[in-house]
Amino acid sequence: MWRFGWKPGRGLQGTDLEAVLVSASYGTDPLVRAACEAVREGDAEAGATLLVETREDPEARTYQAEALGRAAVDRPDEIAGLVGEGADPADAMLWLGHALLARAVTLPSGGAGAGQADRKAFEAALHEARDPLRESARLNPDDAAPWAALQTVAMGLGSTRNGRRPGPSRSPGRRTCTRRT
């Protein structure tokens, strides 16, 4: 069946497998990957400067904020401290919201094996991520990145357009019916 001399037990020759594989969590842009690695090592300024450069490109800004949020999932206090160090509050709140959102996604979300406590913890984490994203949207209403993240939060909370969760009608007696005469 393997005609070309490849043996299943033999690894690839001539390539370093770690160098070939690209982690999907930080994307493929080398600048974003370098900034994310710097953030993971403790340099939060690298992420702040990257967000400043993408204010005019909403797609790149959203992409970079998500990647930086995943890189800083264990460092939300350092991101919040950037505001005191002189960073733009809208950028810092956007990044903090994405970091808290990335942290919420790592929690059990209430599937078949999760209990009520897991679901409540997941919802509390999403509510915690929503506050800085709302603040970022308030500070910079023309920025699309916080709104995209807020949509993700709303989907995680199960919200609908009018603020209610979908489900059965709360008052089935109020349904209109026609009367036959």
N, C-alpha and C. Protein backbone atom coordinates (compact mmCIF):
# COMPACT_ATOMS: atom_id res chain seq x y z
N MET A 1 0.81 -1.17 0.00
CA MET A 1 0.00 0.00 0.00
C MET A 1 0.87 1.26 0.00
N TRP A 2 1.97 1.28 0.72
CA TRP A 2 2.87 2.43 0.75
C TRP A 2 3.93 2.25 -0.34
N ARG A 3 3.68 2.73 -1.50
CA ARG A 3 4.55 2.47 -2.64
C ARG A 3 5.80 3.33 -2.68
N PHE A 4 5.79 4.45 -2.03
CA PHE A 4 6.87 5.40 -2.22
C PHE A 4 7.95 5.30 -1.16
N GLY A 5 8.05 4.21 -0.48
CA GLY A 5 9.13 3.97 0.46
C GLY A 5 8.93 4.57 1.84
N TRP A 6 7.78 5.09 2.13
CA TRP A 6 7.54 5.65 3.46
C TRP A 6 7.12 4.55 4.40
N LYS A 7 7.73 4.49 5.54
CA LYS A 7 7.39 3.48 6.53
C LYS A 7 6.65 4.17 7.67
N PRO A 8 5.52 3.65 8.11
CA PRO A 8 4.73 4.32 9.14
C PRO A 8 5.47 4.54 10.45
N GLY A 9 6.40 3.71 10.82
CA GLY A 9 7.11 3.86 12.08
C GLY A 9 8.26 4.86 12.01
N ARG A 10 8.56 5.37 10.86
CA ARG A 10 9.71 6.24 10.67
C ARG A 10 9.26 7.70 10.63
N GLY A 11 9.92 8.56 11.37
CA GLY A 11 9.58 9.98 11.39
C GLY A 11 10.09 10.71 10.15
N LEU A 12 9.72 11.96 10.01
CA LEU A 12 10.19 12.76 8.89
C LEU A 12 11.69 13.00 9.01
N GLN A 13 12.37 12.99 7.91
CA GLN A 13 13.81 13.18 7.90
C GLN A 13 14.14 14.58 7.36
N GLY A 14 15.09 15.25 7.96
CA GLY A 14 15.58 16.52 7.44
C GLY A 14 14.80 17.75 7.90
N THR A 15 13.76 17.60 8.67
CA THR A 15 13.02 18.78 9.14
C THR A 15 12.81 18.67 10.64
N ASP A 16 12.83 19.81 11.28
CA ASP A 16 12.52 19.87 12.69
C ASP A 16 11.01 20.06 12.79
N LEU A 17 10.31 19.12 13.35
CA LEU A 17 8.86 19.12 13.37
C LEU A 17 8.30 20.34 14.10
N GLU A 18 8.95 20.77 15.18
CA GLU A 18 8.48 21.94 15.92
C GLU A 18 8.58 23.21 15.07
N ALA A 19 9.60 23.30 14.21
CA ALA A 19 9.76 24.48 13.38
C ALA A 19 8.75 24.52 12.24
N VAL A 20 8.26 23.35 11.82
CA VAL A 20 7.32 23.28 10.72
C VAL A 20 5.90 23.58 11.19
N LEU A 21 5.53 23.09 12.35
CA LEU A 21 4.17 23.29 12.85
C LEU A 21 4.00 24.70 13.40
N VAL A 22 2.88 25.31 13.07
CA VAL A 22 2.57 26.65 13.54
C VAL A 22 1.39 26.55 14.50
N SER A 23 1.55 27.09 15.68
CA SER A 23 0.48 27.06 16.65
C SER A 23 -0.65 27.95 16.17
N ALA A 24 -1.86 27.44 16.20
CA ALA A 24 -3.02 28.20 15.72
C ALA A 24 -3.44 29.26 16.72
N SER A 25 -2.98 29.18 17.95
CA SER A 25 -3.46 30.12 18.96
C SER A 25 -2.95 31.54 18.73
N TYR A 26 -1.80 31.72 18.10
CA TYR A 26 -1.26 33.06 17.87
C TYR A 26 -1.31 33.47 16.41
N GLY A 27 -1.81 32.62 15.55
CA GLY A 27 -1.90 32.96 14.14
C GLY A 27 -0.58 32.76 13.42
N THR A 28 -0.54 33.23 12.18
CA THR A 28 0.64 33.01 11.34
C THR A 28 1.43 34.28 11.08
N ASP A 29 0.95 35.43 11.49
CA ASP A 29 1.68 36.68 11.30
C ASP A 29 2.89 36.69 12.23
N PRO A 30 4.11 36.81 11.68
CA PRO A 30 5.30 36.75 12.54
C PRO A 30 5.38 37.89 13.55
N LEU A 31 4.86 39.06 13.21
CA LEU A 31 4.88 40.18 14.13
C LEU A 31 3.97 39.92 15.33
N VAL A 32 2.80 39.38 15.06
CA VAL A 32 1.86 39.06 16.15
C VAL A 32 2.42 37.93 17.00
N ARG A 33 3.00 36.93 16.36
CA ARG A 33 3.57 35.81 17.10
C ARG A 33 4.70 36.27 18.02
N ALA A 34 5.55 37.18 17.52
CA ALA A 34 6.65 37.68 18.33
C ALA A 34 6.12 38.50 19.52
N ALA A 35 5.10 39.31 19.26
CA ALA A 35 4.51 40.09 20.35
C ALA A 35 3.86 39.18 21.38
N CYS A 36 3.18 38.14 20.93
CA CYS A 36 2.53 37.21 21.86
C CYS A 36 3.56 36.47 22.71
N GLU A 37 4.65 36.08 22.10
CA GLU A 37 5.71 35.42 22.87
C GLU A 37 6.31 36.37 23.90
N ALA A 38 6.48 37.65 23.51
CA ALA A 38 7.00 38.63 24.45
C ALA A 38 6.03 38.85 25.61
N VAL A 39 4.74 38.86 25.32
CA VAL A 39 3.73 39.02 26.36
C VAL A 39 3.75 37.83 27.30
N ARG A 40 3.87 36.64 26.76
CA ARG A 40 3.93 35.44 27.61
C ARG A 40 5.14 35.46 28.52
N GLU A 41 6.22 36.11 28.07
CA GLU A 41 7.44 36.20 28.89
C GLU A 41 7.38 37.37 29.87
N GLY A 42 6.32 38.20 29.80
CA GLY A 42 6.16 39.27 30.78
C GLY A 42 6.28 40.68 30.25
N ASP A 43 6.48 40.87 28.95
CA ASP A 43 6.63 42.21 28.37
C ASP A 43 5.29 42.66 27.80
N ALA A 44 4.47 43.29 28.62
CA ALA A 44 3.14 43.73 28.18
C ALA A 44 3.21 44.92 27.24
N GLU A 45 4.28 45.68 27.27
CA GLU A 45 4.42 46.84 26.40
C GLU A 45 4.43 46.44 24.92
N ALA A 46 4.93 45.26 24.62
CA ALA A 46 4.96 44.81 23.22
C ALA A 46 3.55 44.67 22.66
N GLY A 47 2.64 44.18 23.45
CA GLY A 47 1.26 44.06 23.00
C GLY A 47 0.57 45.39 22.88
N ALA A 48 0.88 46.31 23.78
CA ALA A 48 0.26 47.63 23.74
C ALA A 48 0.68 48.39 22.48
N THR A 49 1.94 48.31 22.12
CA THR A 49 2.39 49.01 20.91
C THR A 49 1.80 48.38 19.66
N LEU A 50 1.59 47.09 19.68
CA LEU A 50 0.99 46.42 18.53
C LEU A 50 -0.46 46.87 18.33
N LEU A 51 -1.20 47.04 19.40
CA LEU A 51 -2.59 47.50 19.28
C LEU A 51 -2.68 48.95 18.81
N VAL A 52 -1.72 49.77 19.20
CA VAL A 52 -1.72 51.17 18.77
C VAL A 52 -1.57 51.26 17.25
N GLU A 53 -0.77 50.37 16.68
CA GLU A 53 -0.49 50.43 15.25
C GLU A 53 -1.67 50.00 14.38
N THR A 54 -2.66 49.34 14.94
CA THR A 54 -3.75 48.79 14.11
C THR A 54 -5.08 49.50 14.33
N ARG A 55 -5.07 50.72 14.78
CA ARG A 55 -6.33 51.42 15.04
C ARG A 55 -7.13 51.69 13.78
N GLU A 56 -6.49 51.79 12.64
CA GLU A 56 -7.19 52.11 11.39
C GLU A 56 -7.65 50.87 10.63
N ASP A 57 -7.23 49.69 11.05
CA ASP A 57 -7.60 48.45 10.36
C ASP A 57 -8.39 47.56 11.34
N PRO A 58 -9.74 47.57 11.25
CA PRO A 58 -10.53 46.84 12.24
C PRO A 58 -10.33 45.33 12.22
N GLU A 59 -10.12 44.75 11.04
CA GLU A 59 -9.92 43.29 10.98
C GLU A 59 -8.61 42.89 11.64
N ALA A 60 -7.54 43.61 11.33
CA ALA A 60 -6.25 43.29 11.94
C ALA A 60 -6.29 43.55 13.44
N ARG A 61 -6.99 44.59 13.85
CA ARG A 61 -7.09 44.92 15.27
C ARG A 61 -7.82 43.82 16.04
N THR A 62 -8.91 43.33 15.47
CA THR A 62 -9.66 42.25 16.11
C THR A 62 -8.80 40.99 16.20
N TYR A 63 -8.13 40.66 15.12
CA TYR A 63 -7.26 39.48 15.08
C TYR A 63 -6.15 39.59 16.11
N GLN A 64 -5.52 40.76 16.19
CA GLN A 64 -4.40 40.93 17.11
C GLN A 64 -4.87 40.97 18.56
N ALA A 65 -6.02 41.58 18.81
CA ALA A 65 -6.54 41.62 20.18
C ALA A 65 -6.88 40.22 20.67
N GLU A 66 -7.43 39.39 19.80
CA GLU A 66 -7.72 38.00 20.18
C GLU A 66 -6.45 37.24 20.50
N ALA A 67 -5.45 37.37 19.63
CA ALA A 67 -4.19 36.65 19.85
C ALA A 67 -3.49 37.14 21.12
N LEU A 68 -3.47 38.45 21.32
CA LEU A 68 -2.83 38.99 22.53
C LEU A 68 -3.60 38.59 23.78
N GLY A 69 -4.92 38.51 23.67
CA GLY A 69 -5.72 38.05 24.80
C GLY A 69 -5.40 36.62 25.19
N ARG A 70 -5.23 35.76 24.18
CA ARG A 70 -4.86 34.37 24.48
C ARG A 70 -3.46 34.29 25.08
N ALA A 71 -2.56 35.18 24.64
CA ALA A 71 -1.19 35.16 25.17
C ALA A 71 -1.16 35.65 26.62
N ALA A 72 -2.08 36.56 26.97
CA ALA A 72 -2.07 37.14 28.31
C ALA A 72 -3.17 36.57 29.20
N VAL A 73 -3.59 35.35 28.92
CA VAL A 73 -4.70 34.76 29.67
C VAL A 73 -4.37 34.63 31.16
N ASP A 74 -3.12 34.49 31.50
CA ASP A 74 -2.71 34.37 32.91
C ASP A 74 -2.22 35.69 33.50
N ARG A 75 -2.31 36.78 32.74
CA ARG A 75 -1.74 38.06 33.18
C ARG A 75 -2.72 39.23 33.07
N PRO A 76 -3.97 39.09 33.49
CA PRO A 76 -4.90 40.22 33.34
C PRO A 76 -4.53 41.41 34.23
N ASP A 77 -3.87 41.18 35.35
CA ASP A 77 -3.48 42.29 36.22
C ASP A 77 -2.43 43.18 35.56
N GLU A 78 -1.52 42.56 34.81
CA GLU A 78 -0.50 43.34 34.12
C GLU A 78 -1.13 44.20 33.02
N ILE A 79 -2.14 43.69 32.36
CA ILE A 79 -2.81 44.45 31.31
C ILE A 79 -3.57 45.62 31.92
N ALA A 80 -4.25 45.37 33.02
CA ALA A 80 -4.97 46.46 33.70
C ALA A 80 -4.00 47.52 34.20
N GLY A 81 -2.81 47.13 34.56
CA GLY A 81 -1.79 48.07 35.02
C GLY A 81 -1.23 48.95 33.91
N LEU A 82 -1.45 48.60 32.66
CA LEU A 82 -0.96 49.41 31.55
C LEU A 82 -1.61 50.79 31.52
N VAL A 83 -2.84 50.89 31.98
CA VAL A 83 -3.53 52.19 31.98
C VAL A 83 -2.80 53.16 32.90
N GLY A 84 -2.34 52.70 34.04
CA GLY A 84 -1.59 53.53 34.96
C GLY A 84 -0.22 53.92 34.43
N GLU A 85 0.30 53.12 33.50
CA GLU A 85 1.62 53.40 32.93
C GLU A 85 1.53 54.32 31.72
N GLY A 86 0.33 54.75 31.34
CA GLY A 86 0.20 55.70 30.24
C GLY A 86 -0.31 55.12 28.94
N ALA A 87 -0.70 53.86 28.91
CA ALA A 87 -1.24 53.28 27.68
C ALA A 87 -2.65 53.81 27.43
N ASP A 88 -3.08 53.75 26.19
CA ASP A 88 -4.42 54.21 25.84
C ASP A 88 -5.45 53.33 26.56
N PRO A 89 -6.39 53.94 27.29
CA PRO A 89 -7.36 53.14 28.05
C PRO A 89 -8.25 52.26 27.15
N ALA A 90 -8.60 52.75 25.97
CA ALA A 90 -9.44 51.95 25.07
C ALA A 90 -8.70 50.69 24.63
N ASP A 91 -7.42 50.83 24.30
CA ASP A 91 -6.62 49.67 23.90
C ASP A 91 -6.45 48.70 25.05
N ALA A 92 -6.15 49.22 26.24
CA ALA A 92 -5.93 48.35 27.40
C ALA A 92 -7.21 47.62 27.78
N MET A 93 -8.35 48.30 27.73
CA MET A 93 -9.63 47.65 28.06
C MET A 93 -10.00 46.59 27.02
N LEU A 94 -9.71 46.88 25.75
CA LEU A 94 -9.95 45.88 24.69
C LEU A 94 -9.12 44.64 24.94
N TRP A 95 -7.85 44.84 25.23
CA TRP A 95 -6.96 43.71 25.47
C TRP A 95 -7.35 42.96 26.74
N LEU A 96 -7.69 43.68 27.79
CA LEU A 96 -8.12 43.04 29.03
C LEU A 96 -9.39 42.22 28.80
N GLY A 97 -10.34 42.77 28.05
CA GLY A 97 -11.56 42.02 27.74
C GLY A 97 -11.28 40.74 26.99
N HIS A 98 -10.37 40.79 26.03
CA HIS A 98 -10.03 39.58 25.29
C HIS A 98 -9.29 38.57 26.16
N ALA A 99 -8.46 39.05 27.08
CA ALA A 99 -7.76 38.13 27.99
C ALA A 99 -8.76 37.43 28.91
N LEU A 100 -9.73 38.19 29.43
CA LEU A 100 -10.74 37.59 30.30
C LEU A 100 -11.66 36.66 29.51
N LEU A 101 -11.93 37.01 28.26
CA LEU A 101 -12.73 36.13 27.41
C LEU A 101 -11.99 34.83 27.12
N ALA A 102 -10.68 34.92 26.87
CA ALA A 102 -9.88 33.71 26.65
C ALA A 102 -9.84 32.85 27.90
N ARG A 103 -9.81 33.48 29.06
CA ARG A 103 -9.83 32.73 30.31
C ARG A 103 -11.19 32.04 30.49
N ALA A 104 -12.27 32.72 30.14
CA ALA A 104 -13.61 32.14 30.27
C ALA A 104 -13.78 30.94 29.35
N VAL A 105 -13.18 30.99 28.18
CA VAL A 105 -13.33 29.89 27.23
C VAL A 105 -12.64 28.63 27.73
N THR A 106 -11.64 28.78 28.58
CA THR A 106 -10.95 27.60 29.10
C THR A 106 -11.75 26.87 30.18
N LEU A 107 -12.78 27.53 30.71
CA LEU A 107 -13.59 26.91 31.76
C LEU A 107 -14.58 25.92 31.17
N PRO A 108 -15.03 24.93 31.94
CA PRO A 108 -16.11 24.06 31.46
C PRO A 108 -17.36 24.91 31.25
N SER A 109 -18.03 24.70 30.13
CA SER A 109 -19.12 25.61 29.78
C SER A 109 -20.51 25.05 29.97
N GLY A 110 -20.65 23.91 30.53
CA GLY A 110 -21.99 23.41 30.79
C GLY A 110 -22.44 22.36 29.80
N GLY A 111 -21.54 21.58 29.28
CA GLY A 111 -21.92 20.50 28.38
C GLY A 111 -22.56 19.36 29.14
N ALA A 112 -22.55 18.19 28.56
CA ALA A 112 -23.21 17.04 29.16
C ALA A 112 -22.58 16.65 30.50
N GLY A 113 -21.25 16.80 30.62
CA GLY A 113 -20.58 16.39 31.84
C GLY A 113 -20.45 17.49 32.88
N ALA A 114 -20.82 18.70 32.54
CA ALA A 114 -20.65 19.82 33.47
C ALA A 114 -21.92 20.02 34.30
N GLY A 115 -21.72 20.50 35.49
CA GLY A 115 -22.85 20.72 36.37
C GLY A 115 -23.29 22.17 36.37
N GLN A 116 -24.25 22.46 37.23
CA GLN A 116 -24.79 23.82 37.34
C GLN A 116 -23.72 24.79 37.82
N ALA A 117 -22.85 24.36 38.71
CA ALA A 117 -21.80 25.24 39.22
C ALA A 117 -20.82 25.62 38.11
N ASP A 118 -20.50 24.67 37.22
CA ASP A 118 -19.61 24.97 36.11
C ASP A 118 -20.23 26.00 35.17
N ARG A 119 -21.51 25.85 34.90
CA ARG A 119 -22.20 26.80 34.02
C ARG A 119 -22.24 28.19 34.64
N LYS A 120 -22.49 28.26 35.94
CA LYS A 120 -22.52 29.57 36.62
C LYS A 120 -21.13 30.22 36.62
N ALA A 121 -20.09 29.43 36.81
CA ALA A 121 -18.72 29.97 36.78
C ALA A 121 -18.38 30.49 35.39
N PHE A 122 -18.81 29.76 34.36
CA PHE A 122 -18.59 30.18 32.98
C PHE A 122 -19.31 31.49 32.69
N GLU A 123 -20.56 31.60 33.12
CA GLU A 123 -21.32 32.82 32.90
C GLU A 123 -20.73 33.99 33.68
N ALA A 124 -20.26 33.76 34.89
CA ALA A 124 -19.63 34.83 35.68
C ALA A 124 -18.36 35.32 35.00
N ALA A 125 -17.59 34.40 34.43
CA ALA A 125 -16.37 34.80 33.72
C ALA A 125 -16.71 35.61 32.47
N LEU A 126 -17.78 35.24 31.78
CA LEU A 126 -18.20 36.02 30.60
C LEU A 126 -18.68 37.41 31.01
N HIS A 127 -19.39 37.51 32.12
CA HIS A 127 -19.82 38.82 32.61
C HIS A 127 -18.61 39.68 32.98
N GLU A 128 -17.59 39.03 33.55
CA GLU A 128 -16.37 39.75 33.91
C GLU A 128 -15.65 40.27 32.66
N ALA A 129 -15.69 39.51 31.57
CA ALA A 129 -15.06 39.94 30.32
C ALA A 129 -15.87 41.03 29.64
N ARG A 130 -17.16 41.06 29.87
CA ARG A 130 -18.04 42.02 29.20
C ARG A 130 -17.77 43.45 29.65
N ASP A 131 -17.47 43.66 30.91
CA ASP A 131 -17.30 45.02 31.44
C ASP A 131 -16.16 45.80 30.77
N PRO A 132 -14.93 45.26 30.68
CA PRO A 132 -13.89 46.04 30.00
C PRO A 132 -14.16 46.21 28.50
N LEU A 133 -14.83 45.25 27.89
CA LEU A 133 -15.16 45.40 26.46
C LEU A 133 -16.17 46.51 26.26
N ARG A 134 -17.13 46.62 27.15
CA ARG A 134 -18.09 47.73 27.06
C ARG A 134 -17.39 49.07 27.27
N GLU A 135 -16.46 49.11 28.20
CA GLU A 135 -15.73 50.34 28.45
C GLU A 135 -14.89 50.73 27.24
N SER A 136 -14.27 49.77 26.59
CA SER A 136 -13.50 50.04 25.39
C SER A 136 -14.40 50.56 24.27
N ALA A 137 -15.57 49.97 24.14
CA ALA A 137 -16.52 50.43 23.12
C ALA A 137 -17.03 51.83 23.44
N ARG A 138 -17.18 52.14 24.72
CA ARG A 138 -17.62 53.48 25.10
C ARG A 138 -16.54 54.52 24.83
N LEU A 139 -15.28 54.17 25.12
CA LEU A 139 -14.17 55.10 24.91
C LEU A 139 -13.87 55.34 23.43
N ASN A 140 -14.06 54.32 22.62
CA ASN A 140 -13.78 54.44 21.19
C ASN A 140 -14.93 53.80 20.41
N PRO A 141 -16.04 54.51 20.22
CA PRO A 141 -17.22 53.90 19.60
C PRO A 141 -17.03 53.52 18.13
N ASP A 142 -16.03 54.07 17.46
CA ASP A 142 -15.80 53.73 16.05
C ASP A 142 -14.99 52.45 15.88
N ASP A 143 -14.46 51.91 16.96
CA ASP A 143 -13.65 50.70 16.91
C ASP A 143 -14.57 49.47 16.86
N ALA A 144 -14.37 48.62 15.87
CA ALA A 144 -15.21 47.43 15.71
C ALA A 144 -14.77 46.26 16.59
N ALA A 145 -13.53 46.27 17.05
CA ALA A 145 -13.00 45.13 17.79
C ALA A 145 -13.75 44.83 19.09
N PRO A 146 -14.09 45.82 19.92
CA PRO A 146 -14.83 45.45 21.13
C PRO A 146 -16.23 44.93 20.83
N TRP A 147 -16.83 45.43 19.77
CA TRP A 147 -18.18 44.97 19.41
C TRP A 147 -18.15 43.51 18.95
N ALA A 148 -17.11 43.13 18.23
CA ALA A 148 -16.99 41.73 17.80
C ALA A 148 -16.83 40.81 19.02
N ALA A 149 -16.04 41.24 19.99
CA ALA A 149 -15.86 40.43 21.20
C ALA A 149 -17.14 40.41 22.03
N LEU A 150 -17.86 41.51 22.06
CA LEU A 150 -19.12 41.54 22.81
C LEU A 150 -20.15 40.61 22.19
N GLN A 151 -20.11 40.43 20.88
CA GLN A 151 -20.99 39.45 20.24
C GLN A 151 -20.64 38.04 20.69
N THR A 152 -19.36 37.75 20.83
CA THR A 152 -18.94 36.45 21.31
C THR A 152 -19.42 36.23 22.74
N VAL A 153 -19.31 37.25 23.57
CA VAL A 153 -19.79 37.16 24.95
C VAL A 153 -21.29 36.91 24.97
N ALA A 154 -22.02 37.64 24.14
CA ALA A 154 -23.48 37.49 24.10
C ALA A 154 -23.88 36.08 23.65
N MET A 155 -23.16 35.53 22.69
CA MET A 155 -23.47 34.16 22.26
C MET A 155 -23.17 33.16 23.38
N GLY A 156 -22.10 33.40 24.13
CA GLY A 156 -21.77 32.51 25.24
C GLY A 156 -22.80 32.58 26.36
N LEU A 157 -23.37 33.76 26.54
CA LEU A 157 -24.40 33.91 27.57
C LEU A 157 -25.78 33.47 27.08
N GLY A 158 -25.91 33.21 25.80
CA GLY A 158 -27.19 32.77 25.25
C GLY A 158 -28.17 33.89 25.07
N SER A 159 -27.69 35.10 24.86
CA SER A 159 -28.58 36.25 24.70
C SER A 159 -29.16 36.29 23.29
N THR A 160 -30.31 36.93 23.20
CA THR A 160 -30.90 37.19 21.89
C THR A 160 -30.92 38.69 21.69
N ARG A 161 -31.50 39.12 20.63
CA ARG A 161 -31.46 40.54 20.30
C ARG A 161 -32.17 41.40 21.34
N ASN A 162 -33.29 40.94 21.87
CA ASN A 162 -34.02 41.74 22.84
C ASN A 162 -33.58 41.48 24.28
N GLY A 163 -32.49 40.72 24.47
CA GLY A 163 -31.95 40.51 25.80
C GLY A 163 -32.46 39.28 26.51
N ARG A 164 -33.37 38.54 25.91
CA ARG A 164 -33.89 37.32 26.52
C ARG A 164 -33.25 36.10 25.90
N ARG A 165 -33.29 35.03 26.64
CA ARG A 165 -32.81 33.76 26.10
C ARG A 165 -33.93 33.11 25.32
N PRO A 166 -33.59 32.43 24.25
CA PRO A 166 -34.65 31.73 23.51
C PRO A 166 -35.21 30.58 24.33
N GLY A 167 -36.46 30.34 24.16
CA GLY A 167 -37.08 29.26 24.90
C GLY A 167 -38.58 29.27 24.69
N PRO A 168 -39.27 28.46 25.44
CA PRO A 168 -40.72 28.42 25.27
C PRO A 168 -41.36 29.73 25.73
N SER A 169 -42.53 29.97 25.24
CA SER A 169 -43.25 31.18 25.60
C SER A 169 -43.52 31.18 27.09
N ARG A 170 -43.35 32.33 27.73
CA ARG A 170 -43.53 32.42 29.18
C ARG A 170 -45.01 32.43 29.57
N SER A 171 -45.85 32.85 28.66
CA SER A 171 -47.28 32.90 28.99
C SER A 171 -48.09 32.35 27.82
N PRO A 172 -48.28 31.05 27.78
CA PRO A 172 -48.98 30.46 26.64
C PRO A 172 -50.44 30.90 26.57
N GLY A 173 -51.03 31.42 27.65
CA GLY A 173 -52.41 31.85 27.62
C GLY A 173 -52.62 33.14 26.83
N ARG A 174 -51.56 33.83 26.50
CA ARG A 174 -51.68 35.09 25.78
C ARG A 174 -51.61 34.92 24.27
N ARG A 175 -51.58 33.75 23.80
CA ARG A 175 -51.55 33.53 22.36
C ARG A 175 -52.88 33.94 21.75
N THR A 176 -52.79 34.52 20.59
CA THR A 176 -54.02 34.94 19.93
C THR A 176 -54.63 33.76 19.19
N CYS A 177 -55.92 33.64 19.23
CA CYS A 177 -56.60 32.60 18.48
C CYS A 177 -57.82 33.20 17.81
N THR A 178 -58.18 32.58 16.75
CA THR A 178 -59.37 33.06 16.04
C THR A 178 -60.60 32.32 16.53
N ARG A 179 -61.67 33.01 16.54
CA ARG A 179 -62.91 32.42 17.02
C ARG A 179 -63.80 32.09 15.84
N ARG A 180 -64.32 30.90 15.84
CA ARG A 180 -65.21 30.49 14.75
C ARG A 180 -66.62 30.93 15.07
N THR A 181 -67.28 31.44 14.08
CA THR A 181 -68.67 31.83 14.29
C THR A 181 -69.61 31.10 13.40
